[in-house]
Amino acid sequence: MADQQKKQINIELRPEEAEGIYANFAVITHSPAEFVMDFVRILPGAKKSRVHARIVMAPQNAKALCKALEGNLAKYEETHGEIKAAGTKEPGKQIGFQ
């Protein structure tokens, strides 16, 4: 039983990362060895956008991220209701920019 003790990882969050980076678009590519996720902020009227963050992961870590995101989305929807996909129109509601 002592061999099954949970390992604890201390994670540091520096002030510059704590602020976060907003992205409303992602480009995901992959090779046999890695997944590359580029996070972009597209602004209305802008002729050009740029990548604000790039995350590179092994396929196993990308799959673990996917499962963690699915679990968190399910918990979110249990609490706050279904998230409507982009392009879904509800009368009287407009989200994002045109």
PDB file of N, CA and C in Angstrom:
ATOM      1  N   MET A   1       0.821  -1.196   0.000  1.00  0.00           N
ATOM      2  CA  MET A   1       0.000   0.000   0.000  1.00  0.00           C
ATOM      3  C   MET A   1       0.864   1.258   0.000  1.00  0.00           C
ATOM      4  N   ALA A   2       2.020   1.204   0.640  1.00  0.00           N
ATOM      5  CA  ALA A   2       2.909   2.364   0.662  1.00  0.00           C
ATOM      6  C   ALA A   2       3.381   2.713  -0.745  1.00  0.00           C
ATOM      7  N   ASP A   3       3.493   1.677  -1.624  1.00  0.00           N
ATOM      8  CA  ASP A   3       3.920   1.914  -3.003  1.00  0.00           C
ATOM      9  C   ASP A   3       2.877   2.682  -3.808  1.00  0.00           C
ATOM     10  N   GLN A   4       1.637   2.685  -3.344  1.00  0.00           N
ATOM     11  CA  GLN A   4       0.544   3.319  -4.077  1.00  0.00           C
ATOM     12  C   GLN A   4       0.246   4.731  -3.580  1.00  0.00           C
ATOM     13  N   GLN A   5       1.161   5.310  -2.793  1.00  0.00           N
ATOM     14  CA  GLN A   5       0.942   6.667  -2.303  1.00  0.00           C
ATOM     15  C   GLN A   5       0.877   7.625  -3.492  1.00  0.00           C
ATOM     16  N   LYS A   6       0.011   8.601  -3.377  1.00  0.00           N
ATOM     17  CA  LYS A   6      -0.123   9.583  -4.451  1.00  0.00           C
ATOM     18  C   LYS A   6       1.073  10.518  -4.457  1.00  0.00           C
ATOM     19  N   LYS A   7       1.570  10.814  -5.654  1.00  0.00           N
ATOM     20  CA  LYS A   7       2.662  11.765  -5.806  1.00  0.00           C
ATOM     21  C   LYS A   7       2.070  13.157  -5.918  1.00  0.00           C
ATOM     22  N   GLN A   8       2.722  14.114  -5.280  1.00  0.00           N
ATOM     23  CA  GLN A   8       2.271  15.496  -5.330  1.00  0.00           C
ATOM     24  C   GLN A   8       3.264  16.301  -6.157  1.00  0.00           C
ATOM     25  N   ILE A   9       2.740  17.089  -7.074  1.00  0.00           N
ATOM     26  CA  ILE A   9       3.576  17.944  -7.910  1.00  0.00           C
ATOM     27  C   ILE A   9       3.274  19.388  -7.544  1.00  0.00           C
ATOM     28  N   ASN A  10       4.312  20.126  -7.224  1.00  0.00           N
ATOM     29  CA  ASN A  10       4.149  21.556  -6.954  1.00  0.00           C
ATOM     30  C   ASN A  10       4.262  22.306  -8.267  1.00  0.00           C
ATOM     31  N   ILE A  11       3.281  23.129  -8.560  1.00  0.00           N
ATOM     32  CA  ILE A  11       3.244  23.878  -9.810  1.00  0.00           C
ATOM     33  C   ILE A  11       3.336  25.364  -9.491  1.00  0.00           C
ATOM     34  N   GLU A  12       4.287  26.024 -10.135  1.00  0.00           N
ATOM     35  CA  GLU A  12       4.464  27.461  -9.943  1.00  0.00           C
ATOM     36  C   GLU A  12       3.690  28.214 -11.021  1.00  0.00           C
ATOM     37  N   LEU A  13       2.968  29.246 -10.625  1.00  0.00           N
ATOM     38  CA  LEU A  13       2.255  30.103 -11.570  1.00  0.00           C
ATOM     39  C   LEU A  13       2.806  31.515 -11.398  1.00  0.00           C
ATOM     40  N   ARG A  14       3.654  31.911 -12.350  1.00  0.00           N
ATOM     41  CA  ARG A  14       4.258  33.244 -12.284  1.00  0.00           C
ATOM     42  C   ARG A  14       3.223  34.308 -12.662  1.00  0.00           C
ATOM     43  N   PRO A  15       3.397  35.534 -12.183  1.00  0.00           N
ATOM     44  CA  PRO A  15       2.425  36.602 -12.475  1.00  0.00           C
ATOM     45  C   PRO A  15       2.178  36.815 -13.968  1.00  0.00           C
ATOM     46  N   GLU A  16       3.221  36.693 -14.788  1.00  0.00           N
ATOM     47  CA  GLU A  16       3.025  36.930 -16.227  1.00  0.00           C
ATOM     48  C   GLU A  16       2.159  35.856 -16.875  1.00  0.00           C
ATOM     49  N   GLU A  17       2.171  34.627 -16.354  1.00  0.00           N
ATOM     50  CA  GLU A  17       1.287  33.582 -16.870  1.00  0.00           C
ATOM     51  C   GLU A  17      -0.079  33.629 -16.196  1.00  0.00           C
ATOM     52  N   ALA A  18      -0.135  34.093 -14.967  1.00  0.00           N
ATOM     53  CA  ALA A  18      -1.398  34.134 -14.223  1.00  0.00           C
ATOM     54  C   ALA A  18      -2.425  35.033 -14.903  1.00  0.00           C
ATOM     55  N   GLU A  19      -1.951  36.007 -15.642  1.00  0.00           N
ATOM     56  CA  GLU A  19      -2.839  36.921 -16.354  1.00  0.00           C
ATOM     57  C   GLU A  19      -3.610  36.203 -17.453  1.00  0.00           C
ATOM     58  N   GLY A  20      -3.013  35.173 -18.022  1.00  0.00           N
ATOM     59  CA  GLY A  20      -3.671  34.411 -19.082  1.00  0.00           C
ATOM     60  C   GLY A  20      -3.520  35.068 -20.442  1.00  0.00           C
ATOM     61  N   ILE A  21      -3.819  34.300 -21.462  1.00  0.00           N
ATOM     62  CA  ILE A  21      -3.783  34.784 -22.843  1.00  0.00           C
ATOM     63  C   ILE A  21      -5.130  34.438 -23.463  1.00  0.00           C
ATOM     64  N   TYR A  22      -5.806  35.427 -24.013  1.00  0.00           N
ATOM     65  CA  TYR A  22      -7.096  35.198 -24.653  1.00  0.00           C
ATOM     66  C   TYR A  22      -6.877  34.715 -26.079  1.00  0.00           C
ATOM     67  N   ALA A  23      -7.606  33.683 -26.455  1.00  0.00           N
ATOM     68  CA  ALA A  23      -7.584  33.190 -27.832  1.00  0.00           C
ATOM     69  C   ALA A  23      -9.002  32.812 -28.218  1.00  0.00           C
ATOM     70  N   ASN A  24      -9.385  33.125 -29.462  1.00  0.00           N
ATOM     71  CA  ASN A  24     -10.710  32.740 -29.938  1.00  0.00           C
ATOM     72  C   ASN A  24     -10.627  31.870 -31.194  1.00  0.00           C
ATOM     73  N   PHE A  25      -9.422  31.352 -31.441  1.00  0.00           N
ATOM     74  CA  PHE A  25      -9.208  30.487 -32.599  1.00  0.00           C
ATOM     75  C   PHE A  25      -7.991  29.621 -32.317  1.00  0.00           C
ATOM     76  N   ALA A  26      -8.043  28.376 -32.736  1.00  0.00           N
ATOM     77  CA  ALA A  26      -6.900  27.480 -32.554  1.00  0.00           C
ATOM     78  C   ALA A  26      -6.646  26.702 -33.831  1.00  0.00           C
ATOM     79  N   VAL A  27      -5.382  26.479 -34.114  1.00  0.00           N
ATOM     80  CA  VAL A  27      -4.966  25.652 -35.236  1.00  0.00           C
ATOM     81  C   VAL A  27      -4.209  24.479 -34.629  1.00  0.00           C
ATOM     82  N   ILE A  28      -4.639  23.261 -34.961  1.00  0.00           N
ATOM     83  CA  ILE A  28      -4.004  22.069 -34.396  1.00  0.00           C
ATOM     84  C   ILE A  28      -3.464  21.221 -35.540  1.00  0.00           C
ATOM     85  N   THR A  29      -2.175  20.910 -35.470  1.00  0.00           N
ATOM     86  CA  THR A  29      -1.528  20.041 -36.445  1.00  0.00           C
ATOM     87  C   THR A  29      -0.801  18.938 -35.676  1.00  0.00           C
ATOM     88  N   HIS A  30      -0.421  17.897 -36.393  1.00  0.00           N
ATOM     89  CA  HIS A  30       0.287  16.815 -35.716  1.00  0.00           C
ATOM     90  C   HIS A  30       1.234  16.087 -36.662  1.00  0.00           C
ATOM     91  N   SER A  31       2.176  15.441 -36.042  1.00  0.00           N
ATOM     92  CA  SER A  31       3.094  14.532 -36.727  1.00  0.00           C
ATOM     93  C   SER A  31       3.015  13.215 -35.957  1.00  0.00           C
ATOM     94  N   PRO A  32       3.728  12.194 -36.378  1.00  0.00           N
ATOM     95  CA  PRO A  32       3.691  10.950 -35.598  1.00  0.00           C
ATOM     96  C   PRO A  32       4.189  11.129 -34.160  1.00  0.00           C
ATOM     97  N   ALA A  33       5.004  12.146 -33.912  1.00  0.00           N
ATOM     98  CA  ALA A  33       5.631  12.315 -32.601  1.00  0.00           C
ATOM     99  C   ALA A  33       5.005  13.379 -31.713  1.00  0.00           C
ATOM    100  N   GLU A  34       4.224  14.314 -32.294  1.00  0.00           N
ATOM    101  CA  GLU A  34       3.740  15.422 -31.466  1.00  0.00           C
ATOM    102  C   GLU A  34       2.492  16.084 -32.052  1.00  0.00           C
ATOM    103  N   PHE A  35       1.768  16.769 -31.164  1.00  0.00           N
ATOM    104  CA  PHE A  35       0.663  17.635 -31.539  1.00  0.00           C
ATOM    105  C   PHE A  35       1.122  19.067 -31.290  1.00  0.00           C
ATOM    106  N   VAL A  36       0.809  19.955 -32.233  1.00  0.00           N
ATOM    107  CA  VAL A  36       1.148  21.368 -32.099  1.00  0.00           C
ATOM    108  C   VAL A  36      -0.156  22.147 -32.103  1.00  0.00           C
ATOM    109  N   MET A  37      -0.377  22.911 -31.045  1.00  0.00           N
ATOM    110  CA  MET A  37      -1.595  23.714 -30.919  1.00  0.00           C
ATOM    111  C   MET A  37      -1.216  25.188 -30.880  1.00  0.00           C
ATOM    112  N   ASP A  38      -1.641  25.929 -31.890  1.00  0.00           N
ATOM    113  CA  ASP A  38      -1.403  27.372 -31.961  1.00  0.00           C
ATOM    114  C   ASP A  38      -2.685  28.089 -31.582  1.00  0.00           C
ATOM    115  N   PHE A  39      -2.584  29.001 -30.625  1.00  0.00           N
ATOM    116  CA  PHE A  39      -3.738  29.762 -30.149  1.00  0.00           C
ATOM    117  C   PHE A  39      -3.637  31.194 -30.665  1.00  0.00           C
ATOM    118  N   VAL A  40      -4.707  31.614 -31.348  1.00  0.00           N
ATOM    119  CA  VAL A  40      -4.735  32.871 -32.084  1.00  0.00           C
ATOM    120  C   VAL A  40      -5.863  33.752 -31.561  1.00  0.00           C
ATOM    121  N   ARG A  41      -5.654  35.051 -31.628  1.00  0.00           N
ATOM    122  CA  ARG A  41      -6.705  36.022 -31.303  1.00  0.00           C
ATOM    123  C   ARG A  41      -7.042  36.750 -32.586  1.00  0.00           C
ATOM    124  N   ILE A  42      -8.274  36.534 -33.084  1.00  0.00           N
ATOM    125  CA  ILE A  42      -8.736  37.198 -34.300  1.00  0.00           C
ATOM    126  C   ILE A  42      -9.655  38.338 -33.873  1.00  0.00           C
ATOM    127  N   LEU A  43      -9.305  39.552 -34.269  1.00  0.00           N
ATOM    128  CA  LEU A  43     -10.087  40.729 -33.882  1.00  0.00           C
ATOM    129  C   LEU A  43     -10.872  41.257 -35.070  1.00  0.00           C
ATOM    130  N   PRO A  44     -12.062  41.807 -34.804  1.00  0.00           N
ATOM    131  CA  PRO A  44     -12.880  42.325 -35.903  1.00  0.00           C
ATOM    132  C   PRO A  44     -12.159  43.455 -36.638  1.00  0.00           C
ATOM    133  N   GLY A  45     -12.210  43.402 -37.945  1.00  0.00           N
ATOM    134  CA  GLY A  45     -11.606  44.444 -38.763  1.00  0.00           C
ATOM    135  C   GLY A  45     -10.110  44.284 -38.976  1.00  0.00           C
ATOM    136  N   ALA A  46      -9.485  43.384 -38.256  1.00  0.00           N
ATOM    137  CA  ALA A  46      -8.037  43.201 -38.410  1.00  0.00           C
ATOM    138  C   ALA A  46      -7.759  42.414 -39.691  1.00  0.00           C
ATOM    139  N   LYS A  47      -6.757  42.847 -40.430  1.00  0.00           N
ATOM    140  CA  LYS A  47      -6.396  42.151 -41.660  1.00  0.00           C
ATOM    141  C   LYS A  47      -5.434  41.016 -41.389  1.00  0.00           C
ATOM    142  N   LYS A  48      -4.865  41.016 -40.199  1.00  0.00           N
ATOM    143  CA  LYS A  48      -3.860  40.015 -39.874  1.00  0.00           C
ATOM    144  C   LYS A  48      -3.991  39.648 -38.396  1.00  0.00           C
ATOM    145  N   SER A  49      -3.770  38.386 -38.102  1.00  0.00           N
ATOM    146  CA  SER A  49      -3.759  37.919 -36.721  1.00  0.00           C
ATOM    147  C   SER A  49      -2.443  37.195 -36.496  1.00  0.00           C
ATOM    148  N   ARG A  50      -2.130  36.958 -35.224  1.00  0.00           N
ATOM    149  CA  ARG A  50      -0.889  36.251 -34.943  1.00  0.00           C
ATOM    150  C   ARG A  50      -1.111  35.203 -33.869  1.00  0.00           C
ATOM    151  N   VAL A  51      -0.208  34.252 -33.822  1.00  0.00           N
ATOM    152  CA  VAL A  51      -0.230  33.225 -32.786  1.00  0.00           C
ATOM    153  C   VAL A  51       0.239  33.877 -31.486  1.00  0.00           C
ATOM    154  N   HIS A  52      -0.544  33.724 -30.418  1.00  0.00           N
ATOM    155  CA  HIS A  52      -0.180  34.282 -29.116  1.00  0.00           C
ATOM    156  C   HIS A  52       0.433  33.222 -28.204  1.00  0.00           C
ATOM    157  N   ALA A  53       0.170  31.954 -28.496  1.00  0.00           N
ATOM    158  CA  ALA A  53       0.765  30.879 -27.705  1.00  0.00           C
ATOM    159  C   ALA A  53       0.824  29.622 -28.555  1.00  0.00           C
ATOM    160  N   ARG A  54       1.892  28.861 -28.390  1.00  0.00           N
ATOM    161  CA  ARG A  54       2.029  27.570 -29.076  1.00  0.00           C
ATOM    162  C   ARG A  54       2.345  26.532 -28.009  1.00  0.00           C
ATOM    163  N   ILE A  55       1.568  25.453 -28.008  1.00  0.00           N
ATOM    164  CA  ILE A  55       1.774  24.344 -27.091  1.00  0.00           C
ATOM    165  C   ILE A  55       2.104  23.110 -27.926  1.00  0.00           C
ATOM    166  N   VAL A  56       3.189  22.427 -27.576  1.00  0.00           N
ATOM    167  CA  VAL A  56       3.597  21.205 -28.263  1.00  0.00           C
ATOM    168  C   VAL A  56       3.518  20.064 -27.250  1.00  0.00           C
ATOM    169  N   MET A  57       2.834  18.978 -27.627  1.00  0.00           N
ATOM    170  CA  MET A  57       2.631  17.845 -26.719  1.00  0.00           C
ATOM    171  C   MET A  57       2.853  16.524 -27.429  1.00  0.00           C
ATOM    172  N   ALA A  58       3.261  15.527 -26.655  1.00  0.00           N
ATOM    173  CA  ALA A  58       3.296  14.156 -27.143  1.00  0.00           C
ATOM    174  C   ALA A  58       1.858  13.694 -27.356  1.00  0.00           C
ATOM    175  N   PRO A  59       1.614  12.766 -28.287  1.00  0.00           N
ATOM    176  CA  PRO A  59       0.247  12.295 -28.530  1.00  0.00           C
ATOM    177  C   PRO A  59      -0.466  11.798 -27.267  1.00  0.00           C
ATOM    178  N   GLN A  60       0.250  11.113 -26.382  1.00  0.00           N
ATOM    179  CA  GLN A  60      -0.365  10.616 -25.153  1.00  0.00           C
ATOM    180  C   GLN A  60      -0.839  11.767 -24.265  1.00  0.00           C
ATOM    181  N   ASN A  61      -0.054  12.835 -24.199  1.00  0.00           N
ATOM    182  CA  ASN A  61      -0.450  13.990 -23.389  1.00  0.00           C
ATOM    183  C   ASN A  61      -1.600  14.751 -24.044  1.00  0.00           C
ATOM    184  N   ALA A  62      -1.613  14.802 -25.375  1.00  0.00           N
ATOM    185  CA  ALA A  62      -2.722  15.458 -26.074  1.00  0.00           C
ATOM    186  C   ALA A  62      -4.029  14.715 -25.803  1.00  0.00           C
ATOM    187  N   LYS A  63      -3.969  13.380 -25.795  1.00  0.00           N
ATOM    188  CA  LYS A  63      -5.177  12.601 -25.517  1.00  0.00           C
ATOM    189  C   LYS A  63      -5.629  12.805 -24.076  1.00  0.00           C
ATOM    190  N   ALA A  64      -4.686  12.867 -23.138  1.00  0.00           N
ATOM    191  CA  ALA A  64      -5.032  13.129 -21.738  1.00  0.00           C
ATOM    192  C   ALA A  64      -5.663  14.518 -21.595  1.00  0.00           C
ATOM    193  N   LEU A  65      -5.138  15.502 -22.325  1.00  0.00           N
ATOM    194  CA  LEU A  65      -5.720  16.847 -22.311  1.00  0.00           C
ATOM    195  C   LEU A  65      -7.140  16.815 -22.843  1.00  0.00           C
ATOM    196  N   CYS A  66      -7.362  16.082 -23.927  1.00  0.00           N
ATOM    197  CA  CYS A  66      -8.694  15.967 -24.525  1.00  0.00           C
ATOM    198  C   CYS A  66      -9.690  15.384 -23.518  1.00  0.00           C
ATOM    199  N   LYS A  67      -9.301  14.316 -22.836  1.00  0.00           N
ATOM    200  CA  LYS A  67     -10.187  13.703 -21.839  1.00  0.00           C
ATOM    201  C   LYS A  67     -10.462  14.650 -20.683  1.00  0.00           C
ATOM    202  N   ALA A  68      -9.432  15.375 -20.233  1.00  0.00           N
ATOM    203  CA  ALA A  68      -9.616  16.330 -19.140  1.00  0.00           C
ATOM    204  C   ALA A  68     -10.552  17.461 -19.563  1.00  0.00           C
ATOM    205  N   LEU A  69     -10.400  17.933 -20.794  1.00  0.00           N
ATOM    206  CA  LEU A  69     -11.269  19.001 -21.304  1.00  0.00           C
ATOM    207  C   LEU A  69     -12.707  18.513 -21.437  1.00  0.00           C
ATOM    208  N   GLU A  70     -12.904  17.289 -21.954  1.00  0.00           N
ATOM    209  CA  GLU A  70     -14.256  16.719 -22.058  1.00  0.00           C
ATOM    210  C   GLU A  70     -14.906  16.617 -20.682  1.00  0.00           C
ATOM    211  N   GLY A  71     -14.155  16.157 -19.691  1.00  0.00           N
ATOM    212  CA  GLY A  71     -14.694  16.048 -18.333  1.00  0.00           C
ATOM    213  C   GLY A  71     -15.075  17.398 -17.754  1.00  0.00           C
ATOM    214  N   ASN A  72     -14.233  18.398 -17.975  1.00  0.00           N
ATOM    215  CA  ASN A  72     -14.527  19.730 -17.463  1.00  0.00           C
ATOM    216  C   ASN A  72     -15.697  20.370 -18.189  1.00  0.00           C
ATOM    217  N   LEU A  73     -15.820  20.139 -19.496  1.00  0.00           N
ATOM    218  CA  LEU A  73     -16.975  20.657 -20.236  1.00  0.00           C
ATOM    219  C   LEU A  73     -18.266  20.030 -19.717  1.00  0.00           C
ATOM    220  N   ALA A  74     -18.237  18.735 -19.433  1.00  0.00           N
ATOM    221  CA  ALA A  74     -19.435  18.061 -18.901  1.00  0.00           C
ATOM    222  C   ALA A  74     -19.824  18.653 -17.554  1.00  0.00           C
ATOM    223  N   LYS A  75     -18.842  18.881 -16.680  1.00  0.00           N
ATOM    224  CA  LYS A  75     -19.129  19.483 -15.360  1.00  0.00           C
ATOM    225  C   LYS A  75     -19.679  20.898 -15.515  1.00  0.00           C
ATOM    226  N   TYR A  76     -19.092  21.674 -16.443  1.00  0.00           N
ATOM    227  CA  TYR A  76     -19.555  23.028 -16.694  1.00  0.00           C
ATOM    228  C   TYR A  76     -21.020  23.017 -17.124  1.00  0.00           C
ATOM    229  N   GLU A  77     -21.352  22.132 -18.086  1.00  0.00           N
ATOM    230  CA  GLU A  77     -22.720  22.086 -18.606  1.00  0.00           C
ATOM    231  C   GLU A  77     -23.710  21.586 -17.556  1.00  0.00           C
ATOM    232  N   GLU A  78     -23.273  20.740 -16.660  1.00  0.00           N
ATOM    233  CA  GLU A  78     -24.154  20.313 -15.565  1.00  0.00           C
ATOM    234  C   GLU A  78     -24.552  21.502 -14.703  1.00  0.00           C
ATOM    235  N   THR A  79     -23.616  22.403 -14.503  1.00  0.00           N
ATOM    236  CA  THR A  79     -23.855  23.566 -13.647  1.00  0.00           C
ATOM    237  C   THR A  79     -24.518  24.724 -14.386  1.00  0.00           C
ATOM    238  N   HIS A  80     -24.066  25.001 -15.602  1.00  0.00           N
ATOM    239  CA  HIS A  80     -24.467  26.225 -16.307  1.00  0.00           C
ATOM    240  C   HIS A  80     -25.344  25.988 -17.527  1.00  0.00           C
ATOM    241  N   GLY A  81     -25.607  24.747 -17.866  1.00  0.00           N
ATOM    242  CA  GLY A  81     -26.410  24.450 -19.047  1.00  0.00           C
ATOM    243  C   GLY A  81     -25.541  24.212 -20.271  1.00  0.00           C
ATOM    244  N   GLU A  82     -26.187  23.730 -21.312  1.00  0.00           N
ATOM    245  CA  GLU A  82     -25.490  23.365 -22.535  1.00  0.00           C
ATOM    246  C   GLU A  82     -24.797  24.555 -23.178  1.00  0.00           C
ATOM    247  N   ILE A  83     -23.594  24.340 -23.622  1.00  0.00           N
ATOM    248  CA  ILE A  83     -22.859  25.357 -24.369  1.00  0.00           C
ATOM    249  C   ILE A  83     -23.294  25.234 -25.824  1.00  0.00           C
ATOM    250  N   LYS A  84     -23.778  26.314 -26.386  1.00  0.00           N
ATOM    251  CA  LYS A  84     -24.214  26.312 -27.779  1.00  0.00           C
ATOM    252  C   LYS A  84     -22.997  26.456 -28.689  1.00  0.00           C
ATOM    253  N   ALA A  85     -22.934  25.661 -29.721  1.00  0.00           N
ATOM    254  CA  ALA A  85     -21.825  25.724 -30.673  1.00  0.00           C
ATOM    255  C   ALA A  85     -21.857  27.048 -31.419  1.00  0.00           C
ATOM    256  N   ALA A  86     -20.699  27.504 -31.857  1.00  0.00           N
ATOM    257  CA  ALA A  86     -20.617  28.742 -32.634  1.00  0.00           C
ATOM    258  C   ALA A  86     -21.497  28.610 -33.861  1.00  0.00           C
ATOM    259  N   GLY A  87     -22.182  29.675 -34.200  1.00  0.00           N
ATOM    260  CA  GLY A  87     -23.070  29.652 -35.350  1.00  0.00           C
ATOM    261  C   GLY A  87     -24.504  29.314 -34.977  1.00  0.00           C
ATOM    262  N   THR A  88     -24.722  28.844 -33.740  1.00  0.00           N
ATOM    263  CA  THR A  88     -26.076  28.556 -33.281  1.00  0.00           C
ATOM    264  C   THR A  88     -26.736  29.875 -32.929  1.00  0.00           C
ATOM    265  N   LYS A  89     -27.866  30.108 -33.508  1.00  0.00           N
ATOM    266  CA  LYS A  89     -28.532  31.394 -33.265  1.00  0.00           C
ATOM    267  C   LYS A  89     -29.718  31.210 -32.334  1.00  0.00           C
ATOM    268  N   GLU A  90     -29.749  32.044 -31.312  1.00  0.00           N
ATOM    269  CA  GLU A  90     -30.883  32.094 -30.404  1.00  0.00           C
ATOM    270  C   GLU A  90     -31.517  33.467 -30.563  1.00  0.00           C
ATOM    271  N   PRO A  91     -32.828  33.532 -30.588  1.00  0.00           N
ATOM    272  CA  PRO A  91     -33.480  34.829 -30.729  1.00  0.00           C
ATOM    273  C   PRO A  91     -33.048  35.800 -29.631  1.00  0.00           C
ATOM    274  N   GLY A  92     -32.644  37.003 -30.049  1.00  0.00           N
ATOM    275  CA  GLY A  92     -32.296  38.034 -29.099  1.00  0.00           C
ATOM    276  C   GLY A  92     -30.884  37.924 -28.534  1.00  0.00           C
ATOM    277  N   LYS A  93     -30.129  36.914 -28.930  1.00  0.00           N
ATOM    278  CA  LYS A  93     -28.778  36.739 -28.411  1.00  0.00           C
ATOM    279  C   LYS A  93     -27.778  36.745 -29.561  1.00  0.00           C
ATOM    280  N   GLN A  94     -26.740  37.541 -29.412  1.00  0.00           N
ATOM    281  CA  GLN A  94     -25.664  37.524 -30.382  1.00  0.00           C
ATOM    282  C   GLN A  94     -24.359  37.473 -29.604  1.00  0.00           C
ATOM    283  N   ILE A  95     -23.577  36.456 -29.859  1.00  0.00           N
ATOM    284  CA  ILE A  95     -22.303  36.301 -29.175  1.00  0.00           C
ATOM    285  C   ILE A  95     -21.198  36.441 -30.204  1.00  0.00           C
ATOM    286  N   GLY A  96     -20.140  37.152 -29.843  1.00  0.00           N
ATOM    287  CA  GLY A  96     -19.022  37.319 -30.748  1.00  0.00           C
ATOM    288  C   GLY A  96     -19.237  38.488 -31.697  1.00  0.00           C
ATOM    289  N   PHE A  97     -18.495  38.489 -32.765  1.00  0.00           N
ATOM    290  CA  PHE A  97     -18.603  39.580 -33.719  1.00  0.00           C
ATOM    291  C   PHE A  97     -18.961  39.050 -35.084  1.00  0.00           C
ATOM    292  N   GLN A  98     -19.483  39.896 -35.934  1.00  0.00           N
ATOM    293  CA  GLN A  98     -19.893  39.508 -37.277  1.00  0.00           C
ATOM    294  C   GLN A  98     -18.933  40.066 -38.303  1.00  0.00           C
TER     295      GLN A  98
END
